Amino acid sequence: MSNEDMLARLIAQAEGSGCEMVTLRAIVEEACDLGAARVLDRMGLSDPSAHQDLTELRELLRAWRDAKASAWKAAIEWVVRLALAGLLFGIAVRHGFWDLVK
C-alpha cells in the first residue's frame, strides 16, 4: 500500500468518526510542511542562502560535465589522429618511402 493510499484511508477514517474534512486537510498540509522543513534542515539546506548554494552547485556540476565531455572529445580526436598517422606511416613503409628518408 502506498503512502497516498494510507493517507487517504486515514482521512476517510477520521472523517467517518466525526472530524471535518477541512481540519483533516489542514493537518495533512501542516504535517507535509513540517516534514519538508525537517528534511531540508537535516540536509543542511534550511538557511536563507541555500537557494544560492544550490544554484552554484548546479553551475559547478554543469561545468564539470562540460569539461568531462570536452576531455573525452579531445581524447578521441587524439586517438584518431594517432591511428591515421600510424596508417600513413605504414603506407609509407610499405611503398618504400622509408628508404628515401634514409
C-alpha atoms as a PDB file:
ATOM      1  CA  MET A   1       0.000   0.000   0.000  1.00  0.00           C
ATOM      2  CA  SER A   2       1.441   3.375  -0.976  1.00  0.00           C
ATOM      3  CA  ASN A   3       1.728   6.372   1.291  1.00  0.00           C
ATOM      4  CA  GLU A   4      -1.002   8.125  -0.665  1.00  0.00           C
ATOM      5  CA  ASP A   5      -3.378   5.220  -0.137  1.00  0.00           C
ATOM      6  CA  MET A   6      -2.565   5.088   3.553  1.00  0.00           C
ATOM      7  CA  LEU A   7      -3.147   8.822   3.908  1.00  0.00           C
ATOM      8  CA  ALA A   8      -6.447   8.599   2.025  1.00  0.00           C
ATOM      9  CA  ARG A   9      -7.630   5.776   4.280  1.00  0.00           C
ATOM     10  CA  LEU A  10      -6.664   7.686   7.422  1.00  0.00           C
ATOM     11  CA  ILE A  11      -8.505  10.768   6.219  1.00  0.00           C
ATOM     12  CA  ALA A  12     -11.576   8.685   5.381  1.00  0.00           C
ATOM     13  CA  GLN A  13     -11.432   7.022   8.790  1.00  0.00           C
ATOM     14  CA  ALA A  14     -11.137  10.350  10.601  1.00  0.00           C
ATOM     15  CA  GLU A  15     -13.948  11.842   8.550  1.00  0.00           C
ATOM     16  CA  GLY A  16     -16.145   8.863   9.313  1.00  0.00           C
ATOM     17  CA  SER A  17     -15.604   9.317  13.026  1.00  0.00           C
ATOM     18  CA  GLY A  18     -16.785  12.914  13.006  1.00  0.00           C
ATOM     19  CA  CYS A  19     -13.788  15.065  12.046  1.00  0.00           C
ATOM     20  CA  GLU A  20     -14.328  17.760   9.406  1.00  0.00           C
ATOM     21  CA  MET A  21     -12.572  17.428   6.075  1.00  0.00           C
ATOM     22  CA  VAL A  22     -11.180  20.980   6.256  1.00  0.00           C
ATOM     23  CA  THR A  23      -9.487  20.200   9.551  1.00  0.00           C
ATOM     24  CA  LEU A  24      -8.002  16.990   8.176  1.00  0.00           C
ATOM     25  CA  ARG A  25      -6.655  18.722   5.103  1.00  0.00           C
ATOM     26  CA  ALA A  26      -5.096  21.415   7.286  1.00  0.00           C
ATOM     27  CA  ILE A  27      -3.461  18.759   9.470  1.00  0.00           C
ATOM     28  CA  VAL A  28      -2.070  16.972   6.431  1.00  0.00           C
ATOM     29  CA  GLU A  29      -0.777  20.213   4.931  1.00  0.00           C
ATOM     30  CA  GLU A  30       0.914  21.199   8.176  1.00  0.00           C
ATOM     31  CA  ALA A  31       2.429  17.726   8.525  1.00  0.00           C
ATOM     32  CA  CYS A  32       3.798  17.956   4.986  1.00  0.00           C
ATOM     33  CA  ASP A  33       5.287  21.383   5.611  1.00  0.00           C
ATOM     34  CA  LEU A  34       6.836  20.190   8.859  1.00  0.00           C
ATOM     35  CA  GLY A  35       8.276  17.103   7.179  1.00  0.00           C
ATOM     36  CA  ALA A  36       9.711  19.120   4.300  1.00  0.00           C
ATOM     37  CA  ALA A  37      11.278  21.616   6.698  1.00  0.00           C
ATOM     38  CA  ARG A  38      12.751  18.748   8.728  1.00  0.00           C
ATOM     39  CA  VAL A  39      14.275  17.170   5.629  1.00  0.00           C
ATOM     40  CA  LEU A  40      15.767  20.470   4.481  1.00  0.00           C
ATOM     41  CA  ASP A  41      17.192  21.024   7.957  1.00  0.00           C
ATOM     42  CA  ARG A  42      18.755  17.549   8.028  1.00  0.00           C
ATOM     43  CA  MET A  43      20.298  18.138   4.622  1.00  0.00           C
ATOM     44  CA  GLY A  44      21.691  21.486   5.736  1.00  0.00           C
ATOM     45  CA  LEU A  45      19.526  23.448   3.326  1.00  0.00           C
ATOM     46  CA  SER A  46      17.372  25.362   5.777  1.00  0.00           C
ATOM     47  CA  ASP A  47      19.393  28.585   5.820  1.00  0.00           C
ATOM     48  CA  PRO A  48      18.482  31.619   3.670  1.00  0.00           C
ATOM     49  CA  SER A  49      21.489  31.167   1.368  1.00  0.00           C
ATOM     50  CA  ALA A  50      20.553  27.580   0.459  1.00  0.00           C
ATOM     51  CA  HIS A  51      18.995  28.604  -2.851  1.00  0.00           C
ATOM     52  CA  GLN A  52      22.206  30.367  -3.897  1.00  0.00           C
ATOM     53  CA  ASP A  53      24.239  27.338  -2.770  1.00  0.00           C
ATOM     54  CA  LEU A  54      22.140  25.001  -4.918  1.00  0.00           C
ATOM     55  CA  THR A  55      22.441  27.361  -7.889  1.00  0.00           C
ATOM     56  CA  GLU A  56      26.226  27.394  -7.518  1.00  0.00           C
ATOM     57  CA  LEU A  57      26.329  23.605  -7.192  1.00  0.00           C
ATOM     58  CA  ARG A  58      24.290  23.226 -10.375  1.00  0.00           C
ATOM     59  CA  GLU A  59      26.647  25.580 -12.214  1.00  0.00           C
ATOM     60  CA  LEU A  60      29.636  23.635 -10.908  1.00  0.00           C
ATOM     61  CA  LEU A  61      28.087  20.335 -11.976  1.00  0.00           C
ATOM     62  CA  ARG A  62      27.291  21.729 -15.424  1.00  0.00           C
ATOM     63  CA  ALA A  63      30.895  22.955 -15.771  1.00  0.00           C
ATOM     64  CA  TRP A  64      32.204  19.525 -14.688  1.00  0.00           C
ATOM     65  CA  ARG A  65      30.024  17.780 -17.256  1.00  0.00           C
ATOM     66  CA  ASP A  66      31.158  20.175 -19.991  1.00  0.00           C
ATOM     67  CA  ALA A  67      34.810  19.649 -19.050  1.00  0.00           C
ATOM     68  CA  LYS A  68      34.364  15.876 -18.997  1.00  0.00           C
ATOM     69  CA  ALA A  69      32.703  15.918 -22.422  1.00  0.00           C
ATOM     70  CA  SER A  70      35.485  18.121 -23.805  1.00  0.00           C
ATOM     71  CA  ALA A  71      38.163  15.823 -22.374  1.00  0.00           C
ATOM     72  CA  TRP A  72      36.553  12.759 -23.946  1.00  0.00           C
ATOM     73  CA  LYS A  73      36.221  14.565 -27.272  1.00  0.00           C
ATOM     74  CA  ALA A  74      39.877  15.624 -27.175  1.00  0.00           C
ATOM     75  CA  ALA A  75      40.995  12.101 -26.232  1.00  0.00           C
ATOM     76  CA  ILE A  76      39.039  10.573 -29.105  1.00  0.00           C
ATOM     77  CA  GLU A  77      40.437  13.142 -31.533  1.00  0.00           C
ATOM     78  CA  TRP A  78      43.986  12.277 -30.454  1.00  0.00           C
ATOM     79  CA  VAL A  79      43.367   8.551 -30.792  1.00  0.00           C
ATOM     80  CA  VAL A  80      42.014   9.081 -34.310  1.00  0.00           C
ATOM     81  CA  ARG A  81      44.997  11.284 -35.207  1.00  0.00           C
ATOM     82  CA  LEU A  82      47.438   8.681 -33.903  1.00  0.00           C
ATOM     83  CA  ALA A  83      45.653   5.923 -35.811  1.00  0.00           C
ATOM     84  CA  LEU A  84      45.730   7.949 -39.034  1.00  0.00           C
ATOM     85  CA  ALA A  85      49.411   8.811 -38.513  1.00  0.00           C
ATOM     86  CA  GLY A  86      50.191   5.128 -37.945  1.00  0.00           C
ATOM     87  CA  LEU A  87      48.245   4.203 -41.057  1.00  0.00           C
ATOM     88  CA  LEU A  88      50.095   6.836 -43.092  1.00  0.00           C
ATOM     89  CA  PHE A  89      53.429   5.636 -41.706  1.00  0.00           C
ATOM     90  CA  GLY A  90      52.532   2.039 -42.563  1.00  0.00           C
ATOM     91  CA  ILE A  91      51.620   3.012 -46.109  1.00  0.00           C
ATOM     92  CA  ALA A  92      54.899   4.912 -46.454  1.00  0.00           C
ATOM     93  CA  VAL A  93      56.936   1.945 -45.244  1.00  0.00           C
ATOM     94  CA  ARG A  94      55.038  -0.497 -47.435  1.00  0.00           C
ATOM     95  CA  HIS A  95      55.628   1.558 -50.576  1.00  0.00           C
ATOM     96  CA  GLY A  96      59.305   2.064 -49.874  1.00  0.00           C
ATOM     97  CA  PHE A  97      59.249   5.734 -48.903  1.00  0.00           C
ATOM     98  CA  TRP A  98      61.217   4.826 -45.797  1.00  0.00           C
ATOM     99  CA  ASP A  99      64.275   4.136 -47.944  1.00  0.00           C
ATOM    100  CA  LEU A 100      64.014   7.641 -49.432  1.00  0.00           C
ATOM    101  CA  VAL A 101      64.130   9.176 -45.985  1.00  0.00           C
ATOM    102  CA  LYS A 102      67.339   7.295 -45.089  1.00  0.00           C
END
